[in-house]
PDB file of N, CA and C in Angstrom:
ATOM      1  N   MET A   1     -20.461  -5.865  -0.854  1.00  0.00           N
ATOM      2  CA  MET A   1     -19.643  -6.372   0.219  1.00  0.00           C
ATOM      3  C   MET A   1     -18.828  -7.582  -0.241  1.00  0.00           C
ATOM      4  N   VAL A   2     -19.459  -8.498  -0.938  1.00  0.00           N
ATOM      5  CA  VAL A   2     -18.769  -9.685  -1.436  1.00  0.00           C
ATOM      6  C   VAL A   2     -17.702  -9.279  -2.447  1.00  0.00           C
ATOM      7  N   ILE A   3     -17.994  -8.290  -3.262  1.00  0.00           N
ATOM      8  CA  ILE A   3     -17.030  -7.831  -4.258  1.00  0.00           C
ATOM      9  C   ILE A   3     -15.777  -7.293  -3.559  1.00  0.00           C
ATOM     10  N   GLY A   4     -15.953  -6.571  -2.480  1.00  0.00           N
ATOM     11  CA  GLY A   4     -14.818  -6.043  -1.730  1.00  0.00           C
ATOM     12  C   GLY A   4     -13.929  -7.151  -1.187  1.00  0.00           C
ATOM     13  N   ILE A   5     -14.534  -8.208  -0.699  1.00  0.00           N
ATOM     14  CA  ILE A   5     -13.775  -9.342  -0.175  1.00  0.00           C
ATOM     15  C   ILE A   5     -12.982 -10.002  -1.292  1.00  0.00           C
ATOM     16  N   VAL A   6     -13.609 -10.201  -2.433  1.00  0.00           N
ATOM     17  CA  VAL A   6     -12.937 -10.823  -3.572  1.00  0.00           C
ATOM     18  C   VAL A   6     -11.768  -9.955  -4.031  1.00  0.00           C
ATOM     19  N   VAL A   7     -11.976  -8.659  -4.102  1.00  0.00           N
ATOM     20  CA  VAL A   7     -10.917  -7.749  -4.519  1.00  0.00           C
ATOM     21  C   VAL A   7      -9.752  -7.807  -3.548  1.00  0.00           C
ATOM     22  N   ASN A   8     -10.023  -7.823  -2.249  1.00  0.00           N
ATOM     23  CA  ASN A   8      -8.957  -7.907  -1.250  1.00  0.00           C
ATOM     24  C   ASN A   8      -8.172  -9.207  -1.375  1.00  0.00           C
ATOM     25  N   VAL A   9      -8.858 -10.305  -1.604  1.00  0.00           N
ATOM     26  CA  VAL A   9      -8.181 -11.597  -1.762  1.00  0.00           C
ATOM     27  C   VAL A   9      -7.291 -11.566  -2.999  1.00  0.00           C
ATOM     28  N   LEU A  10      -7.800 -11.029  -4.086  1.00  0.00           N
ATOM     29  CA  LEU A  10      -7.002 -10.945  -5.311  1.00  0.00           C
ATOM     30  C   LEU A  10      -5.782 -10.047  -5.119  1.00  0.00           C
ATOM     31  N   GLU A  11      -5.947  -8.938  -4.425  1.00  0.00           N
ATOM     32  CA  GLU A  11      -4.821  -8.038  -4.158  1.00  0.00           C
ATOM     33  C   GLU A  11      -3.766  -8.735  -3.317  1.00  0.00           C
ATOM     34  N   ASP A  12      -4.191  -9.493  -2.323  1.00  0.00           N
ATOM     35  CA  ASP A  12      -3.247 -10.238  -1.480  1.00  0.00           C
ATOM     36  C   ASP A  12      -2.480 -11.266  -2.297  1.00  0.00           C
ATOM     37  N   GLU A  13      -3.181 -11.977  -3.171  1.00  0.00           N
ATOM     38  CA  GLU A  13      -2.529 -12.983  -4.011  1.00  0.00           C
ATOM     39  C   GLU A  13      -1.513 -12.340  -4.943  1.00  0.00           C
ATOM     40  N   HIS A  14      -1.875 -11.221  -5.541  1.00  0.00           N
ATOM     41  CA  HIS A  14      -0.958 -10.527  -6.452  1.00  0.00           C
ATOM     42  C   HIS A  14       0.265 -10.008  -5.685  1.00  0.00           C
ATOM     43  N   SER A  15       0.043  -9.522  -4.483  1.00  0.00           N
ATOM     44  CA  SER A  15       1.146  -9.028  -3.667  1.00  0.00           C
ATOM     45  C   SER A  15       2.127 -10.153  -3.350  1.00  0.00           C
ATOM     46  N   LYS A  16       1.617 -11.318  -2.986  1.00  0.00           N
ATOM     47  CA  LYS A  16       2.468 -12.465  -2.692  1.00  0.00           C
ATOM     48  C   LYS A  16       3.230 -12.911  -3.935  1.00  0.00           C
ATOM     49  N   GLU A  17       2.574 -12.886  -5.078  1.00  0.00           N
ATOM     50  CA  GLU A  17       3.233 -13.267  -6.327  1.00  0.00           C
ATOM     51  C   GLU A  17       4.360 -12.293  -6.667  1.00  0.00           C
ATOM     52  N   ARG A  18       4.108 -10.994  -6.475  1.00  0.00           N
ATOM     53  CA  ARG A  18       5.146  -9.987  -6.742  1.00  0.00           C
ATOM     54  C   ARG A  18       6.336 -10.170  -5.812  1.00  0.00           C
ATOM     55  N   GLU A  19       6.066 -10.425  -4.537  1.00  0.00           N
ATOM     56  CA  GLU A  19       7.158 -10.638  -3.579  1.00  0.00           C
ATOM     57  C   GLU A  19       7.996 -11.850  -3.971  1.00  0.00           C
ATOM     58  N   ALA A  20       7.328 -12.927  -4.365  1.00  0.00           N
ATOM     59  CA  ALA A  20       8.058 -14.134  -4.767  1.00  0.00           C
ATOM     60  C   ALA A  20       8.896 -13.861  -6.009  1.00  0.00           C
ATOM     61  N   GLN A  21       8.334 -13.144  -6.966  1.00  0.00           N
ATOM     62  CA  GLN A  21       9.075 -12.832  -8.189  1.00  0.00           C
ATOM     63  C   GLN A  21      10.242 -11.893  -7.895  1.00  0.00           C
ATOM     64  N   ASP A  22      10.044 -10.939  -7.006  1.00  0.00           N
ATOM     65  CA  ASP A  22      11.133 -10.031  -6.623  1.00  0.00           C
ATOM     66  C   ASP A  22      12.294 -10.802  -6.008  1.00  0.00           C
ATOM     67  N   LYS A  23      11.984 -11.793  -5.163  1.00  0.00           N
ATOM     68  CA  LYS A  23      13.043 -12.604  -4.573  1.00  0.00           C
ATOM     69  C   LYS A  23      13.792 -13.374  -5.650  1.00  0.00           C
ATOM     70  N   LEU A  24      13.052 -13.923  -6.605  1.00  0.00           N
ATOM     71  CA  LEU A  24      13.692 -14.664  -7.696  1.00  0.00           C
ATOM     72  C   LEU A  24      14.549 -13.746  -8.552  1.00  0.00           C
ATOM     73  N   ASP A  25      14.123 -12.494  -8.700  1.00  0.00           N
ATOM     74  CA  ASP A  25      14.860 -11.528  -9.517  1.00  0.00           C
ATOM     75  C   ASP A  25      16.040 -10.919  -8.765  1.00  0.00           C
ATOM     76  N   GLY A  26      16.147 -11.234  -7.478  1.00  0.00           N
ATOM     77  CA  GLY A  26      17.248 -10.717  -6.680  1.00  0.00           C
ATOM     78  C   GLY A  26      17.013  -9.323  -6.138  1.00  0.00           C
ATOM     79  N   LYS A  27      15.784  -8.869  -6.170  1.00  0.00           N
ATOM     80  CA  LYS A  27      15.479  -7.549  -5.623  1.00  0.00           C
ATOM     81  C   LYS A  27      15.459  -7.616  -4.102  1.00  0.00           C
ATOM     82  N   ILE A  28      15.834  -6.536  -3.475  1.00  0.00           N
ATOM     83  CA  ILE A  28      15.879  -6.474  -2.021  1.00  0.00           C
ATOM     84  C   ILE A  28      14.461  -6.306  -1.476  1.00  0.00           C
ATOM     85  N   THR A  29      14.149  -7.090  -0.467  1.00  0.00           N
ATOM     86  CA  THR A  29      12.829  -7.020   0.153  1.00  0.00           C
ATOM     87  C   THR A  29      12.929  -6.311   1.505  1.00  0.00           C
ATOM     88  N   ILE A  30      11.813  -5.989   2.070  1.00  0.00           N
ATOM     89  CA  ILE A  30      11.766  -5.375   3.396  1.00  0.00           C
ATOM     90  C   ILE A  30      12.411  -6.301   4.417  1.00  0.00           C
ATOM     91  N   GLU A  31      12.187  -7.598   4.289  1.00  0.00           N
ATOM     92  CA  GLU A  31      12.785  -8.559   5.211  1.00  0.00           C
ATOM     93  C   GLU A  31      14.306  -8.521   5.116  1.00  0.00           C
ATOM     94  N   ASP A  32      14.834  -8.388   3.891  1.00  0.00           N
ATOM     95  CA  ASP A  32      16.284  -8.290   3.697  1.00  0.00           C
ATOM     96  C   ASP A  32      16.845  -7.049   4.387  1.00  0.00           C
ATOM     97  N   VAL A  33      16.175  -5.934   4.200  1.00  0.00           N
ATOM     98  CA  VAL A  33      16.634  -4.678   4.807  1.00  0.00           C
ATOM     99  C   VAL A  33      16.576  -4.787   6.325  1.00  0.00           C
ATOM    100  N   SER A  34      15.518  -5.361   6.842  1.00  0.00           N
ATOM    101  CA  SER A  34      15.375  -5.525   8.288  1.00  0.00           C
ATOM    102  C   SER A  34      16.485  -6.411   8.840  1.00  0.00           C
ATOM    103  N   ARG A  35      16.782  -7.507   8.165  1.00  0.00           N
ATOM    104  CA  ARG A  35      17.832  -8.416   8.605  1.00  0.00           C
ATOM    105  C   ARG A  35      19.191  -7.717   8.588  1.00  0.00           C
ATOM    106  N   GLN A  36      19.453  -6.961   7.528  1.00  0.00           N
ATOM    107  CA  GLN A  36      20.722  -6.246   7.432  1.00  0.00           C
ATOM    108  C   GLN A  36      20.837  -5.182   8.529  1.00  0.00           C
ATOM    109  N   LEU A  37      19.753  -4.506   8.814  1.00  0.00           N
ATOM    110  CA  LEU A  37      19.753  -3.503   9.872  1.00  0.00           C
ATOM    111  C   LEU A  37      20.039  -4.140  11.232  1.00  0.00           C
ATOM    112  N   ASP A  38      19.430  -5.293  11.479  1.00  0.00           N
ATOM    113  CA  ASP A  38      19.695  -6.009  12.729  1.00  0.00           C
ATOM    114  C   ASP A  38      21.161  -6.411  12.827  1.00  0.00           C
ATOM    115  N   GLU A  39      21.739  -6.860  11.716  1.00  0.00           N
ATOM    116  CA  GLU A  39      23.158  -7.232  11.707  1.00  0.00           C
ATOM    117  C   GLU A  39      24.041  -6.021  12.000  1.00  0.00           C
ATOM    118  N   LEU A  40      23.710  -4.892  11.413  1.00  0.00           N
ATOM    119  CA  LEU A  40      24.488  -3.681  11.658  1.00  0.00           C
ATOM    120  C   LEU A  40      24.384  -3.231  13.115  1.00  0.00           C
ATOM    121  N   LYS A  41      23.194  -3.301  13.672  1.00  0.00           N
ATOM    122  CA  LYS A  41      23.004  -2.946  15.074  1.00  0.00           C
ATOM    123  C   LYS A  41      23.852  -3.849  15.963  1.00  0.00           C
ATOM    124  N   GLN A  42      23.881  -5.136  15.643  1.00  0.00           N
ATOM    125  CA  GLN A  42      24.666  -6.077  16.425  1.00  0.00           C
ATOM    126  C   GLN A  42      26.149  -5.775  16.310  1.00  0.00           C
ATOM    127  N   MET A  43      26.611  -5.420  15.112  1.00  0.00           N
ATOM    128  CA  MET A  43      28.018  -5.083  14.913  1.00  0.00           C
ATOM    129  C   MET A  43      28.408  -3.834  15.716  1.00  0.00           C
ATOM    130  N   ILE A  44      27.529  -2.845  15.729  1.00  0.00           N
ATOM    131  CA  ILE A  44      27.786  -1.617  16.471  1.00  0.00           C
ATOM    132  C   ILE A  44      27.816  -1.910  17.968  1.00  0.00           C
ATOM    133  N   ALA A  45      26.907  -2.729  18.424  1.00  0.00           N
ATOM    134  CA  ALA A  45      26.833  -3.064  19.846  1.00  0.00           C
ATOM    135  C   ALA A  45      28.067  -3.835  20.304  1.00  0.00           C
ATOM    136  N   ASN A  46      28.677  -4.600  19.417  1.00  0.00           N
ATOM    137  CA  ASN A  46      29.844  -5.411  19.775  1.00  0.00           C
ATOM    138  C   ASN A  46      31.142  -4.615  19.784  1.00  0.00           C
ATOM    139  N   LYS A  47      31.132  -3.395  19.296  1.00  0.00           N
ATOM    140  CA  LYS A  47      32.355  -2.584  19.250  1.00  0.00           C
ATOM    141  C   LYS A  47      32.647  -1.931  20.570  1.00  0.00           C
TER     142      LYS A  47
END
């Protein structure tokens, strides 16, 4: 049980590190896509 908790914590840390590195590398994130989609929806609604 303790091993599972440690593994989950390590996976979370690695995931956060990858996301930070992706942002530094200029890769598109889910947040970027979501923001762009919201902008497009707003543009369509304003027409």
